[in-house]
Protein backbone atom coordinates (compact mmCIF):
# COMPACT_ATOMS: atom_id res chain seq x y z
CA MET A 1 -41.69 26.83 -22.70
CA VAL A 2 -39.69 27.06 -25.74
CA VAL A 3 -37.02 28.75 -24.55
CA THR A 4 -36.52 27.32 -22.02
CA PHE A 5 -36.44 23.91 -22.87
CA LYS A 6 -33.87 24.74 -25.32
CA GLU A 7 -31.55 26.22 -22.97
CA GLU A 8 -31.86 23.43 -20.78
CA SER A 9 -30.96 20.69 -23.58
CA LEU A 10 -27.96 23.16 -24.34
CA MET A 11 -26.82 23.05 -20.73
CA ALA A 12 -26.97 19.20 -20.94
CA PHE A 13 -25.49 18.63 -23.93
CA ASN A 14 -22.42 20.58 -22.64
CA HIS A 15 -22.43 18.02 -19.35
CA LEU A 16 -22.72 15.25 -21.40
CA PHE A 17 -20.39 15.88 -24.43
CA LEU A 18 -17.47 17.96 -22.72
CA LYS A 19 -15.35 16.38 -20.87
CA ASP A 20 -14.84 18.08 -16.99
CA TYR A 21 -16.86 21.01 -18.05
CA VAL A 22 -18.19 23.23 -15.06
CA ASP A 23 -21.41 25.87 -15.83
CA GLY A 24 -20.09 28.96 -16.58
CA GLY A 25 -17.14 28.39 -17.60
CA MET A 26 -17.28 28.39 -21.32
CA ASP A 27 -14.99 31.14 -22.08
CA THR A 28 -11.96 29.24 -20.67
CA TYR A 29 -12.68 25.80 -21.59
CA ALA A 30 -10.07 24.78 -23.74
CA VAL A 31 -7.24 22.38 -24.69
CA TYR A 32 -3.26 22.80 -24.81
CA ARG A 33 -2.37 19.43 -24.99
CA GLN A 34 -1.95 16.97 -28.07
CA ALA A 35 -3.29 14.32 -26.08
CA ASP A 36 -6.13 16.13 -23.98
CA VAL A 37 -7.23 16.74 -28.05
CA TYR A 38 -7.68 12.94 -28.63
CA ASP A 39 -8.90 12.68 -24.37
CA HIS A 40 -11.66 14.77 -25.26
CA ILE A 41 -12.73 13.83 -28.83
CA ASP A 42 -12.71 10.20 -27.30
CA TYR A 43 -14.93 11.15 -24.34
CA ILE A 44 -17.35 12.69 -27.15
CA ILE A 45 -17.38 9.61 -29.24
CA THR A 46 -18.08 7.02 -25.70
CA GLN A 47 -20.86 9.84 -24.39
CA TYR A 48 -22.78 9.48 -27.71
CA GLY A 49 -22.80 5.73 -27.66
CA LEU A 50 -23.38 5.98 -24.50
CA LEU A 51 -26.41 8.61 -24.16
CA HIS A 52 -29.19 5.96 -23.88
CA ASN A 53 -27.62 5.09 -20.62
CA ASN A 54 -26.33 8.15 -19.89
CA THR A 55 -29.08 11.43 -20.47
CA VAL A 56 -32.36 11.62 -18.15
CA GLY A 57 -34.13 13.27 -20.71
CA ASN A 58 -36.30 12.02 -23.39
CA HIS A 59 -32.59 11.79 -25.99
CA ALA A 60 -32.69 10.33 -28.68
CA TYR A 61 -30.20 9.65 -32.12
CA GLU A 62 -31.59 10.91 -35.08
CA LYS A 63 -33.22 7.83 -37.88
CA ASN A 64 -31.91 6.78 -41.03
CA GLY A 65 -33.96 3.98 -42.17
CA SER A 66 -33.04 1.42 -40.60
CA GLY A 67 -30.32 2.65 -38.39
CA TYR A 68 -29.55 6.04 -36.96
CA THR A 69 -27.25 8.70 -38.11
CA ALA A 70 -23.61 8.86 -37.40
CA LEU A 71 -21.46 11.24 -35.57
CA SER A 72 -18.98 13.44 -37.96
CA ILE A 73 -15.68 14.36 -37.38
CA CYS A 74 -13.81 16.76 -39.77
CA GLN A 75 -10.59 18.50 -39.22
CA GLU A 76 -9.55 21.69 -41.80
CA PHE A 77 -6.07 21.86 -42.22
CA TYR A 78 -4.16 24.01 -44.85
CA ARG A 79 -2.37 21.73 -47.58
CA ASN A 80 0.89 21.44 -46.86
CA GLY A 81 2.94 23.89 -44.44
CA ALA A 82 6.50 23.23 -42.80
CA ILE A 83 6.78 25.98 -40.29
CA TYR A 84 10.39 26.52 -37.95
CA PRO A 85 9.50 29.40 -35.71
CA GLY A 86 13.12 28.78 -34.29
CA ASN A 87 14.94 29.85 -37.42
CA GLU A 88 11.21 32.29 -38.09
CA THR A 89 11.34 30.32 -41.40
CA PHE A 90 8.24 28.95 -42.99
CA GLU A 91 6.73 27.57 -46.10
CA ILE A 92 2.63 27.50 -45.97
CA ASP A 93 -0.14 26.59 -48.87
CA ALA A 94 -2.92 28.99 -47.93
CA HIS A 95 -5.80 25.94 -49.84
CA VAL A 96 -7.51 24.04 -46.85
CA ASP A 97 -7.99 20.60 -47.07
CA ALA A 98 -11.04 18.55 -44.83
CA ASP A 99 -10.35 15.08 -43.75
CA CYS A 100 -13.65 13.61 -42.33
CA ILE A 101 -14.85 10.18 -40.43
CA GLU A 102 -17.92 8.99 -39.72
CA VAL A 103 -18.90 7.23 -36.57
CA TYR A 104 -22.32 5.49 -35.78
CA PRO A 105 -23.28 4.44 -32.45
CA MET A 106 -22.38 1.18 -31.88
CA TYR A 107 -20.62 -0.76 -28.84
CA SER A 108 -18.56 -3.69 -30.14
CA LEU A 109 -15.44 -0.74 -31.23
CA THR A 110 -13.88 1.40 -28.36
CA SER A 111 -13.85 4.97 -29.29
CA ARG A 112 -9.41 4.48 -29.64
CA ASP A 113 -10.15 1.40 -31.64
CA LEU A 114 -12.16 4.35 -34.56
CA LEU A 115 -9.46 7.29 -33.96
CA GLN A 116 -6.70 5.42 -35.10
CA ASN A 117 -6.85 6.21 -38.61
CA PHE A 118 -7.73 9.28 -37.50
CA GLU A 119 -4.54 11.78 -37.62
CA VAL A 120 -4.80 15.59 -36.52
CA HIS A 121 -2.15 17.73 -38.42
CA PHE A 122 -1.17 20.06 -35.19
CA LYS A 123 0.60 21.95 -36.58
CA ARG A 124 -1.10 23.03 -39.96
CA LEU A 125 -4.91 22.08 -38.14
CA ILE A 126 -7.26 25.02 -38.18
CA CYS A 127 -10.54 23.36 -36.34
CA ILE A 128 -11.93 20.50 -35.64
CA LYS A 129 -15.71 19.88 -36.17
CA ILE A 130 -17.60 17.35 -34.32
CA THR A 131 -21.79 17.37 -35.58
CA PHE A 132 -24.34 15.09 -34.97
CA VAL A 133 -28.00 15.16 -34.81
CA ILE A 134 -30.09 14.52 -30.98
CA LYS A 135 -33.77 14.53 -31.51
CA ALA A 136 -36.21 15.10 -28.24
CA ILE A 137 -39.85 15.74 -27.68
CA ASN A 138 -40.63 18.91 -25.64
CA LEU A 139 -43.61 17.19 -23.15
CA GLN A 140 -44.08 19.59 -20.80
CA THR A 141 -46.55 21.68 -22.90
CA VAL A 142 -49.35 18.61 -22.50
CA ARG A 143 -50.07 20.24 -19.33
CA HIS A 144 -51.21 23.42 -20.92
CA ARG A 145 -53.33 21.42 -22.80
CA GLU A 146 -51.29 21.93 -25.90
CA LEU A 147 -49.58 19.84 -28.35
CA PRO A 148 -45.99 18.90 -27.56
CA ASP A 149 -43.81 19.57 -30.44
CA CYS A 150 -40.37 17.76 -31.62
CA TYR A 151 -37.02 18.74 -31.47
CA ASP A 152 -33.86 18.04 -34.17
CA PHE A 153 -30.91 19.80 -32.14
CA ASN A 154 -28.15 19.74 -34.48
CA VAL A 155 -25.00 20.12 -32.24
CA ILE A 156 -21.38 21.22 -33.27
CA ILE A 157 -18.65 20.55 -31.14
CA THR A 158 -15.40 23.06 -32.31
CA PHE A 159 -11.88 22.61 -31.27
CA ASN A 160 -10.90 26.57 -33.06
CA ASN A 161 -7.25 26.37 -33.37
CA GLN A 162 -7.70 29.54 -35.75
CA ALA A 163 -5.05 31.33 -33.95
CA HIS A 164 -2.42 29.02 -33.61
CA SER A 165 -1.13 30.63 -30.15
CA GLY A 166 -1.20 26.97 -27.94
CA ARG A 167 -4.85 27.41 -27.13
CA ILE A 168 -7.78 25.37 -28.80
CA LYS A 169 -10.44 26.87 -27.63
CA VAL A 170 -13.59 23.66 -27.68
CA GLU A 171 -17.31 25.41 -28.42
CA LEU A 172 -20.43 23.60 -28.40
CA GLU A 173 -23.73 25.14 -29.85
CA SER A 174 -26.98 23.75 -31.37
CA ASP A 175 -29.02 24.77 -33.82
CA VAL A 176 -32.35 23.49 -33.34
CA GLU A 177 -35.53 23.06 -35.63
CA ILE A 178 -38.53 22.74 -33.84
CA ASN A 179 -41.10 20.52 -36.34
CA GLU A 180 -44.46 18.79 -36.22
CA CYS A 181 -44.42 15.53 -34.34
CA ARG A 182 -45.65 12.36 -36.85
CA ASP A 183 -47.83 9.93 -34.48
CA TRP A 184 -49.04 11.10 -31.56
CA LYS A 185 -51.78 10.10 -29.24
CA VAL A 186 -52.61 12.17 -25.74
CA THR A 187 -55.50 10.63 -23.48
CA GLY A 188 -56.48 12.04 -20.47
CA ALA A 189 -56.78 15.48 -21.56
CA SER A 190 -59.31 17.69 -23.68
CA ALA A 191 -58.84 19.34 -26.42
CA LYS A 192 -61.26 22.04 -25.74
CA GLN A 193 -58.90 24.89 -24.43
CA ILE A 194 -56.81 24.98 -27.26
CA TYR A 195 -60.39 25.17 -29.62
CA LEU A 196 -61.37 28.17 -27.18
CA THR A 197 -58.12 29.96 -27.79
CA VAL A 198 -58.32 29.16 -31.66
CA LEU A 199 -61.47 30.90 -31.54
CA PHE A 200 -60.68 34.06 -29.43
CA ASP A 201 -57.59 34.34 -31.69
CA CYS A 202 -60.57 34.13 -34.91
CA LEU A 203 -62.28 36.81 -33.29
CA ILE A 204 -59.48 39.00 -32.88
CA VAL A 205 -58.78 38.76 -36.87
CA ILE A 206 -61.83 39.61 -37.56
CA THR A 207 -62.17 42.97 -35.41
CA CYS A 208 -58.73 44.16 -36.62
CA ILE A 209 -60.03 43.26 -40.15
CA THR A 210 -62.89 45.43 -39.70
CA SER A 211 -60.65 48.28 -37.73
CA PHE A 212 -58.18 48.08 -40.71
CA THR A 213 -60.84 48.07 -43.08
CA LEU A 214 -62.55 51.46 -41.42
CA CYS A 215 -59.01 52.91 -41.06
CA VAL A 216 -58.60 52.53 -44.66
CA ARG A 217 -61.57 54.32 -45.73
CA SER A 218 -60.59 57.20 -43.50
CA VAL A 219 -57.32 57.95 -44.82
CA ILE A 220 -58.44 57.64 -48.45
CA LYS A 221 -61.22 60.04 -47.81
CA GLY A 222 -59.08 62.47 -46.07
CA ILE A 223 -56.12 62.24 -48.81
CA LEU A 224 -59.13 62.67 -51.46
CA LEU A 225 -60.59 66.03 -49.74
CA MET A 226 -56.89 67.32 -49.30
CA LEU A 227 -56.27 66.97 -53.47
CA GLU A 228 -59.64 68.78 -53.72
CA TYR A 229 -58.87 71.01 -51.49
CA THR A 230 -55.03 71.89 -52.59
CA LYS A 231 -56.73 71.89 -56.03
CA HIS A 232 -59.29 74.86 -55.46
CA CYS A 233 -56.76 76.93 -53.39
CA SER A 234 -54.33 76.84 -56.32
CA LYS A 235 -56.77 77.85 -58.42
CA HIS A 236 -58.97 80.59 -56.68
CA CYS A 237 -56.61 81.55 -54.13
CA GLY A 238 -53.55 81.16 -56.46
CA LYS A 239 -51.00 79.97 -53.97
CA ASP A 240 -49.50 76.36 -52.56
CA THR A 241 -50.86 74.70 -49.53
CA PRO A 242 -47.93 74.15 -47.20
CA TRP A 243 -47.42 70.77 -45.85
CA SER A 244 -48.38 71.86 -41.92
CA ASP A 245 -51.96 71.95 -43.88
CA LYS A 246 -51.88 68.76 -45.83
CA LEU A 247 -51.22 66.94 -43.05
CA GLU A 248 -54.58 68.04 -40.72
CA PHE A 249 -56.20 65.80 -43.57
CA VAL A 250 -54.05 63.09 -42.78
CA ASN A 251 -55.11 61.47 -39.26
CA GLY A 252 -51.55 60.25 -37.89
CA TRP A 253 -53.51 57.64 -35.46
CA TYR A 254 -55.74 56.18 -38.02
CA ILE A 255 -51.91 55.03 -39.38
CA LEU A 256 -50.99 53.83 -36.76
CA ILE A 257 -53.67 51.81 -36.09
CA ILE A 258 -53.19 50.40 -40.00
CA VAL A 259 -49.85 49.08 -38.75
CA SER A 260 -50.83 47.39 -35.72
CA ASP A 261 -53.83 46.14 -36.79
CA THR A 262 -51.90 44.25 -39.65
CA LEU A 263 -49.37 42.86 -37.57
CA THR A 264 -51.96 41.60 -34.88
CA ILE A 265 -53.49 39.70 -38.07
CA ILE A 266 -50.49 38.50 -39.13
CA GLY A 267 -49.20 37.02 -35.77
CA SER A 268 -52.50 35.73 -34.52
CA ILE A 269 -52.70 33.89 -37.89
CA LEU A 270 -48.61 32.53 -37.07
CA LYS A 271 -49.99 31.98 -33.82
CA ILE A 272 -53.08 29.72 -34.95
CA GLU A 273 -50.98 27.71 -37.44
CA ILE A 274 -48.41 27.47 -34.30
CA GLN A 275 -51.83 26.26 -32.21
CA THR A 276 -52.73 23.54 -34.06
CA LYS A 277 -49.04 22.45 -35.42
CA ILE A 278 -48.86 23.59 -39.18
CA LEU A 279 -46.13 25.75 -38.25
CA THR A 280 -43.49 26.45 -35.96
CA SER A 281 -42.32 29.94 -36.79
CA TYR A 282 -41.96 30.72 -32.74
CA ASN A 283 -39.88 33.97 -33.53
CA VAL A 284 -41.93 35.28 -36.35
CA CYS A 285 -45.27 35.43 -34.62
CA SER A 286 -43.65 36.70 -31.04
CA ILE A 287 -42.18 39.64 -33.05
CA PHE A 288 -45.56 40.79 -35.35
CA LEU A 289 -47.38 40.09 -31.69
CA GLY A 290 -44.72 42.01 -29.86
CA THR A 291 -44.55 45.31 -32.09
CA GLY A 292 -48.57 45.07 -32.63
CA THR A 293 -49.02 45.60 -28.90
CA MET A 294 -47.19 47.92 -28.72
CA PHE A 295 -48.69 50.11 -31.08
CA VAL A 296 -51.72 49.23 -29.86
CA TRP A 297 -51.24 50.78 -26.29
CA ILE A 298 -49.55 53.81 -28.00
CA GLY A 299 -52.58 54.21 -29.43
CA VAL A 300 -53.92 54.55 -26.19
CA ILE A 301 -52.94 57.92 -26.21
CA ARG A 302 -54.71 59.29 -28.90
CA TYR A 303 -57.38 59.51 -26.17
CA MET A 304 -55.78 61.14 -23.03
CA GLY A 305 -55.39 64.10 -26.33
CA TYR A 306 -59.11 64.90 -25.49
CA PHE A 307 -58.06 66.13 -22.03
CA ARG A 308 -55.64 69.65 -22.59
CA LYS A 309 -54.08 69.36 -19.69
CA TYR A 310 -52.76 65.86 -20.88
CA ASN A 311 -52.68 66.71 -24.08
CA ILE A 312 -49.37 68.42 -23.92
CA LEU A 313 -47.00 65.23 -24.15
CA ILE A 314 -48.55 64.59 -27.73
CA LEU A 315 -48.16 68.46 -28.79
CA THR A 316 -45.00 68.43 -27.40
CA LEU A 317 -43.60 65.24 -29.47
CA ARG A 318 -45.22 66.44 -32.66
CA ALA A 319 -43.80 70.08 -32.30
CA ALA A 320 -39.92 69.11 -31.29
CA PHE A 321 -40.01 65.84 -33.40
CA PRO A 322 -37.86 67.74 -36.74
CA ASN A 323 -35.86 69.62 -34.32
CA VAL A 324 -34.50 66.77 -33.08
CA ILE A 325 -33.92 64.11 -35.76
CA ARG A 326 -32.27 67.31 -37.38
CA PHE A 327 -29.80 67.23 -34.05
CA ILE A 328 -29.66 63.25 -34.07
CA CYS A 329 -28.46 63.53 -37.27
CA CYS A 330 -25.25 65.43 -36.55
CA ALA A 331 -24.92 64.19 -33.48
CA GLY A 332 -24.76 61.15 -35.22
CA ILE A 333 -21.98 61.99 -37.53
CA ILE A 334 -19.67 63.04 -34.83
CA TYR A 335 -20.56 59.54 -32.22
CA LEU A 336 -19.81 57.48 -35.36
CA SER A 337 -16.37 59.44 -36.05
CA TYR A 338 -15.66 58.54 -32.06
CA CYS A 339 -16.77 55.00 -32.68
CA LEU A 340 -14.47 54.11 -35.79
CA CYS A 341 -11.32 55.86 -34.17
CA GLY A 342 -12.28 53.97 -30.85
CA TRP A 343 -12.82 50.68 -33.35
CA ILE A 344 -9.04 51.20 -34.90
CA VAL A 345 -6.73 52.44 -32.26
CA LEU A 346 -8.09 51.05 -29.38
CA GLY A 347 -9.81 47.59 -30.45
CA PRO A 348 -6.42 45.75 -29.66
CA TYR A 349 -6.34 46.59 -26.48
CA HIS A 350 -9.52 47.07 -24.49
CA GLU A 351 -12.43 44.08 -25.32
CA LYS A 352 -14.91 46.63 -25.18
CA PHE A 353 -13.57 48.01 -28.45
CA ARG A 354 -12.11 44.83 -29.97
CA THR A 355 -15.43 45.26 -32.52
CA LEU A 356 -18.04 48.27 -34.35
CA ASN A 357 -20.67 46.58 -32.21
CA THR A 358 -18.99 46.44 -28.66
CA VAL A 359 -17.58 50.24 -29.18
CA SER A 360 -21.13 51.66 -30.25
CA GLU A 361 -22.61 49.62 -27.21
CA CYS A 362 -20.01 51.20 -25.50
CA LEU A 363 -20.10 54.41 -26.11
CA PHE A 364 -23.63 54.72 -25.47
CA SER A 365 -22.90 53.05 -22.37
CA LEU A 366 -20.88 56.08 -21.64
CA ILE A 367 -23.39 58.86 -22.53
CA ASN A 368 -25.65 57.61 -19.68
CA GLY A 369 -22.93 57.70 -16.68
CA ASP A 370 -22.90 53.19 -17.33
CA ASP A 371 -20.05 51.38 -16.73
CA MET A 372 -17.49 54.24 -17.08
CA PHE A 373 -15.05 53.41 -14.58
CA PRO A 374 -14.72 49.79 -15.64
CA THR A 375 -14.17 51.61 -19.24
CA PHE A 376 -11.34 53.36 -18.25
CA LYS A 377 -9.27 50.59 -15.94
CA ASN A 378 -9.27 47.91 -18.35
CA MET A 379 -7.85 49.58 -20.55
CA LYS A 380 -4.54 47.35 -21.04
CA GLN A 381 -1.10 49.82 -20.33
CA LYS A 382 0.97 47.76 -23.06
CA SER A 383 1.70 50.77 -24.89
CA SER A 384 2.43 54.28 -23.05
CA LEU A 385 1.02 55.98 -26.38
CA VAL A 386 -2.14 54.20 -26.85
CA TRP A 387 -3.13 54.48 -23.49
CA ILE A 388 -2.22 58.51 -23.10
CA PHE A 389 -4.59 58.24 -26.01
CA SER A 390 -7.25 56.41 -24.49
CA ARG A 391 -7.45 59.21 -22.00
CA VAL A 392 -7.25 61.66 -23.92
CA TYR A 393 -10.24 60.01 -25.84
CA LEU A 394 -12.18 58.77 -23.33
CA TYR A 395 -12.31 62.74 -21.29
CA THR A 396 -13.20 64.53 -24.61
CA PHE A 397 -15.52 62.65 -25.77
CA VAL A 398 -17.63 62.15 -22.06
CA SER A 399 -17.42 66.01 -22.06
CA LEU A 400 -18.44 66.13 -25.28
CA PHE A 401 -21.63 63.94 -25.20
CA ILE A 402 -22.40 64.39 -21.39
CA TYR A 403 -22.31 68.00 -20.65
CA MET A 404 -22.62 69.12 -24.32
CA ILE A 405 -24.66 67.55 -26.74
CA LEU A 406 -27.20 65.51 -24.00
CA SER A 407 -27.91 69.11 -22.75
CA LEU A 408 -28.77 70.49 -25.82
CA PHE A 409 -30.36 67.68 -26.72
CA ILE A 410 -32.73 68.55 -23.69
CA THR A 411 -32.57 71.90 -23.86
CA ILE A 412 -34.36 71.32 -27.21
CA ILE A 413 -37.09 69.52 -25.39
CA THR A 414 -37.77 71.76 -22.80
CA ASP A 415 -37.82 74.58 -25.56
CA THR A 416 -40.25 73.20 -27.27
CA TYR A 417 -42.91 72.19 -24.15
CA ASP A 418 -42.47 75.87 -22.61
CA THR A 419 -43.51 76.71 -25.88
CA ILE A 420 -46.59 74.42 -26.27
CA LYS A 421 -47.08 75.30 -22.99
CA GLN A 422 -47.06 79.18 -23.08
CA GLN A 423 -49.36 78.70 -25.76
CA GLN A 424 -52.14 76.86 -24.19
CA GLN A 425 -52.07 79.37 -21.77
CA SER A 426 -52.24 82.10 -24.07
CA GLY A 427 -54.53 80.47 -26.85
CA VAL A 428 -53.23 78.33 -29.72
CA LEU A 429 -52.02 80.04 -32.87
CA MET A 430 -54.24 79.21 -35.66
CA SER A 431 -53.15 77.93 -38.90
CA GLU A 432 -53.79 79.15 -42.74
CA LEU A 433 -56.38 76.16 -42.63
CA GLN A 434 -57.87 76.76 -39.66
CA LYS A 435 -58.02 80.41 -40.17
CA PHE A 436 -60.01 79.11 -43.49
CA LEU A 437 -62.41 77.35 -41.78
CA ALA A 438 -63.29 79.58 -39.43
CA VAL A 439 -64.79 81.81 -42.64
CA CYS A 440 -67.08 79.16 -43.05
CA LYS A 441 -70.71 80.05 -41.10
CA ASP A 442 -72.07 76.55 -41.95
CA LEU A 443 -71.13 74.29 -38.96
CA PRO A 444 -70.89 70.80 -39.21
CA ASN A 445 -73.61 70.08 -36.61
CA SER A 446 -75.78 72.83 -39.35
CA GLY A 447 -76.53 70.01 -41.77
CA VAL A 448 -76.04 71.79 -44.80
CA PHE A 449 -72.13 70.36 -44.99
CA ARG A 450 -73.15 68.01 -48.46
CA LEU A 451 -76.39 68.07 -49.75
CA ASP A 452 -75.21 67.18 -53.07
CA LYS A 453 -71.87 67.35 -55.01
CA SER A 454 -71.77 70.07 -56.35
CA ASN A 455 -73.18 71.74 -53.12
CA ASN A 456 -69.55 71.77 -50.68
CA CYS A 457 -68.79 74.22 -47.54
CA ILE A 458 -65.47 73.74 -47.97
CA LEU A 459 -65.05 75.09 -51.67
CA ASN A 460 -67.67 77.62 -51.33
CA CYS A 461 -66.17 78.87 -48.14
CA CYS A 462 -62.85 79.26 -50.51
CA ILE A 463 -64.28 80.98 -53.09
CA ASN A 464 -65.89 83.08 -51.35
CA ARG A 465 -63.30 84.39 -49.04
CA CYS A 466 -61.07 84.68 -52.09
CA ARG A 467 -63.39 86.55 -53.50
CA GLU A 468 -63.28 89.00 -49.80
CA GLN A 469 -59.74 89.45 -50.53
CA GLN A 470 -60.12 90.27 -54.12
CA GLU A 471 -62.91 93.02 -52.74
CA ARG A 472 -60.49 94.06 -49.70
CA LEU A 473 -57.45 94.20 -52.27
CA THR A 474 -59.63 96.20 -54.76
CA SER A 475 -60.66 98.92 -52.17
CA GLU A 476 -57.56 99.53 -50.32
CA ALA A 477 -56.06 100.02 -54.35
């Protein structure tokens, strides 16, 4: 509802304040004559003064004491300049000055009278910015038993003339501030649903705090056991413990639950504050709740690990992860080199290579086989040398990444999958830690794991195993 209200309000502002505006024509909306610039500014001033009579929404001016805030018109231009394109000579002062006027919502003077003392310096003009504030209330939330929000739309209309190409592009932007309404009264609706939702959110927060505490306790216990195991192996066996065995003591699923619980707790608290109109941080709340929900559902895969055939995905991802990271680092360097080359060489001739961000998006689409023909076709043939270079550039990139790098990437995954599948069929190889635990005669269900602090199966197994190895080496010698 918040997003819909903001988008439709921006569309309404385009139709209210931009002369002869047509939906979808913002990219080509521009003025080309000096008279048109004055006409558009005059139209904006007139529509701003007649806002109450024109709008079909609940838009209003911002209060400033007993009156309303003014509409501000500012032009930015070079301080001094003499430009003679015919003689190919110019003299320019790069310092930028600003000239502003304020127009208050009144009906006694026409917009033409207000613009008499406002002269636009077209030869030195950089831009004209018209700013004003419009307030509105989003009433559609009342139907869902939620209190409405009050919006402050900071509307900015820019006449952009930085290129000095004879085309002044007109843009309308709106920065939105969502605030709590001051005095409100809602009749005919009950707040029971709001209280039940807040109560449910509080229950979620308590559950996540409990889960967070238990998982942190388990992780700490695992780390302490890892340190104890490493210490005694180093002392009695005389060798360091590999990282693969150390990581066996830290449950990665617990780490994932801790992260998801943290995000869910923060997002739920923000959601409660939004519902009670203490805060209006919708974007921050959605990021926390959305990411937390994603991690929660990823954690469901953990329970599939109890089934041997379904566990192959987890084992494949875990085994292939180191090789995939190393492969991506190498391929990323080649990808970055192509991005920089395309941005520098093809940027002036192709819209998709105009910025480094669009270059990366375009090349990533080519790797996935999307939008390939338009990328080749839209290359401007103004320079034969650059056109030939673009063909060599695109063909080599497609051939290298689709036929070689992408195939190698898939091969890494499939080889790891085949290895895991063969291990499941022939028996999983035991690690050093698993072999070490297999020596213990007292299994976890024997009840002798923790008779006291000094009697520990792990330590006894370690000591006995080291002694057996030493005796075996002595007998062989």
